[in-house]
Each structure stands twice: as structure tokens, then as C-alpha cells.
């Protein structure tokens, strides 16, 4: 393992979650380019842009979303 201190787990979660989500969304958006043979290039560009935009959103929104989820659920 990388040995990242547990106190940074929120940031590690955000990096992994935003990377995976944006990769899937970029793949779906790039599907029409598979016919032209430029799917991979288009997907990589779309993924990089969407990941760079989503990473701060996930990192900063996650605590609020966690509190909201806790507020609307019960034990």
C-alpha cells in the first residue's frame, strides 16, 4: 500500500470516486466516436477534462452530501 495517513482518506476517496465516475461518463459520451476509430483519443481527452472539473466538486461536496444522507436516514 502507499501508506497515506488515514486522515487523508476523504481526499483519496474523492480522487478515486471522481476518476471512476468521470471515466464512465466520458466513455458513454465518446461512444459515437467508436465508428470513426477515434474513441480512445476522444475518451482520454473527455475524461481528463471532466476529472479535473469533478475532483474539487467531489472533495468539497462530499461532506455536505454525507451530512444530508445522515439527516434523511435513521438507525
C-alpha atoms as a PDB file:
ATOM      1  CA  UNK A   1       0.000   0.000   0.000  1.00  0.00           C
ATOM      2  CA  UNK A   2       1.009   3.621  -0.408  1.00  0.00           C
ATOM      3  CA  UNK A   3       0.897   4.361   3.301  1.00  0.00           C
ATOM      4  CA  UNK A   4      -1.205   7.514   3.025  1.00  0.00           C
ATOM      5  CA  UNK A   5      -2.326   8.558   6.532  1.00  0.00           C
ATOM      6  CA  UNK A   6      -5.957   7.706   7.287  1.00  0.00           C
ATOM      7  CA  UNK A   7      -6.790  11.369   7.980  1.00  0.00           C
ATOM      8  CA  UNK A   8      -6.488  11.954   4.221  1.00  0.00           C
ATOM      9  CA  UNK A   9      -8.905   9.154   3.323  1.00  0.00           C
ATOM     10  CA  UNK A  10     -11.562  11.721   2.346  1.00  0.00           C
ATOM     11  CA  UNK A  11      -9.254  13.069  -0.368  1.00  0.00           C
ATOM     12  CA  UNK A  12      -8.230   9.592  -1.548  1.00  0.00           C
ATOM     13  CA  UNK A  13     -11.908   8.623  -1.773  1.00  0.00           C
ATOM     14  CA  UNK A  14     -12.618  11.794  -3.774  1.00  0.00           C
ATOM     15  CA  UNK A  15      -9.811  11.126  -6.239  1.00  0.00           C
ATOM     16  CA  UNK A  16     -10.905   7.527  -6.817  1.00  0.00           C
ATOM     17  CA  UNK A  17     -14.635   8.279  -6.967  1.00  0.00           C
ATOM     18  CA  UNK A  18     -14.329  11.277  -9.286  1.00  0.00           C
ATOM     19  CA  UNK A  19     -11.869   9.431 -11.541  1.00  0.00           C
ATOM     20  CA  UNK A  20     -14.126   6.413 -11.910  1.00  0.00           C
ATOM     21  CA  UNK A  21     -17.314   8.414 -12.392  1.00  0.00           C
ATOM     22  CA  UNK A  22     -15.798  10.745 -14.971  1.00  0.00           C
ATOM     23  CA  UNK A  23     -14.201   7.792 -16.816  1.00  0.00           C
ATOM     24  CA  UNK A  24     -17.575   6.098 -17.184  1.00  0.00           C
ATOM     25  CA  UNK A  25     -19.334   9.329 -18.219  1.00  0.00           C
ATOM     26  CA  UNK A  26     -16.596  10.159 -20.735  1.00  0.00           C
ATOM     27  CA  UNK A  27     -16.810   6.662 -22.219  1.00  0.00           C
ATOM     28  CA  UNK A  28     -20.564   6.982 -22.686  1.00  0.00           C
ATOM     29  CA  UNK A  29     -20.195  10.436 -24.244  1.00  0.00           C
ATOM     30  CA  UNK A  30     -17.405   9.180 -26.539  1.00  0.00           C
ATOM     31  CA  UNK A  31     -19.308   6.140 -27.796  1.00  0.00           C
ATOM     32  CA  UNK A  32     -20.300   7.822 -31.102  1.00  0.00           C
ATOM     33  CA  UNK A  33     -16.587   8.199 -31.901  1.00  0.00           C
ATOM     34  CA  UNK A  34     -16.083   4.428 -31.950  1.00  0.00           C
ATOM     35  CA  UNK A  35     -17.378   4.341 -35.527  1.00  0.00           C
ATOM     36  CA  UNK A  36     -14.622   6.708 -36.687  1.00  0.00           C
ATOM     37  CA  UNK A  37     -11.893   4.886 -34.781  1.00  0.00           C
ATOM     38  CA  UNK A  38     -11.071   7.856 -32.565  1.00  0.00           C
ATOM     39  CA  UNK A  39     -12.830   6.602 -29.441  1.00  0.00           C
ATOM     40  CA  UNK A  40      -9.709   6.227 -27.302  1.00  0.00           C
ATOM     41  CA  UNK A  41      -8.280   9.676 -28.049  1.00  0.00           C
ATOM     42  CA  UNK A  42     -11.634  11.380 -27.553  1.00  0.00           C
ATOM     43  CA  UNK A  43     -12.336   9.382 -24.369  1.00  0.00           C
ATOM     44  CA  UNK A  44      -8.956  10.269 -22.831  1.00  0.00           C
ATOM     45  CA  UNK A  45      -9.421  13.974 -23.562  1.00  0.00           C
ATOM     46  CA  UNK A  46     -13.003  13.985 -22.283  1.00  0.00           C
ATOM     47  CA  UNK A  47     -12.032  12.005 -19.172  1.00  0.00           C
ATOM     48  CA  UNK A  48      -9.147  14.304 -18.275  1.00  0.00           C
ATOM     49  CA  UNK A  49     -11.230  17.471 -18.587  1.00  0.00           C
ATOM     50  CA  UNK A  50     -14.197  16.019 -16.691  1.00  0.00           C
ATOM     51  CA  UNK A  51     -11.979  14.567 -13.949  1.00  0.00           C
ATOM     52  CA  UNK A  52     -10.178  17.874 -13.409  1.00  0.00           C
ATOM     53  CA  UNK A  53     -13.560  19.594 -13.094  1.00  0.00           C
ATOM     54  CA  UNK A  54     -15.198  16.938 -10.897  1.00  0.00           C
ATOM     55  CA  UNK A  55     -12.365  16.382  -8.429  1.00  0.00           C
ATOM     56  CA  UNK A  56     -12.839  19.634  -6.490  1.00  0.00           C
ATOM     57  CA  UNK A  57     -16.619  19.235  -6.627  1.00  0.00           C
ATOM     58  CA  UNK A  58     -16.428  15.771  -5.080  1.00  0.00           C
ATOM     59  CA  UNK A  59     -13.864  16.771  -2.457  1.00  0.00           C
ATOM     60  CA  UNK A  60     -15.840  19.810  -1.308  1.00  0.00           C
ATOM     61  CA  UNK A  61     -19.367  18.441  -1.768  1.00  0.00           C
ATOM     62  CA  UNK A  62     -18.819  15.051  -0.118  1.00  0.00           C
ATOM     63  CA  UNK A  63     -19.052  16.306   3.497  1.00  0.00           C
ATOM     64  CA  UNK A  64     -22.324  18.120   2.763  1.00  0.00           C
ATOM     65  CA  UNK A  65     -23.716  15.087   0.939  1.00  0.00           C
ATOM     66  CA  UNK A  66     -22.690  12.850   3.849  1.00  0.00           C
ATOM     67  CA  UNK A  67     -24.482  15.148   6.326  1.00  0.00           C
ATOM     68  CA  UNK A  68     -27.583  15.253   4.113  1.00  0.00           C
ATOM     69  CA  UNK A  69     -27.623  11.465   3.794  1.00  0.00           C
ATOM     70  CA  UNK A  70     -27.284  11.172   7.574  1.00  0.00           C
ATOM     71  CA  UNK A  71     -30.145  13.673   8.080  1.00  0.00           C
ATOM     72  CA  UNK A  72     -32.597  11.808   5.852  1.00  0.00           C
ATOM     73  CA  UNK A  73     -31.843   8.320   7.180  1.00  0.00           C
ATOM     74  CA  UNK A  74     -32.258   6.674  10.559  1.00  0.00           C
ATOM     75  CA  UNK A  75     -30.633   3.861  12.541  1.00  0.00           C
END
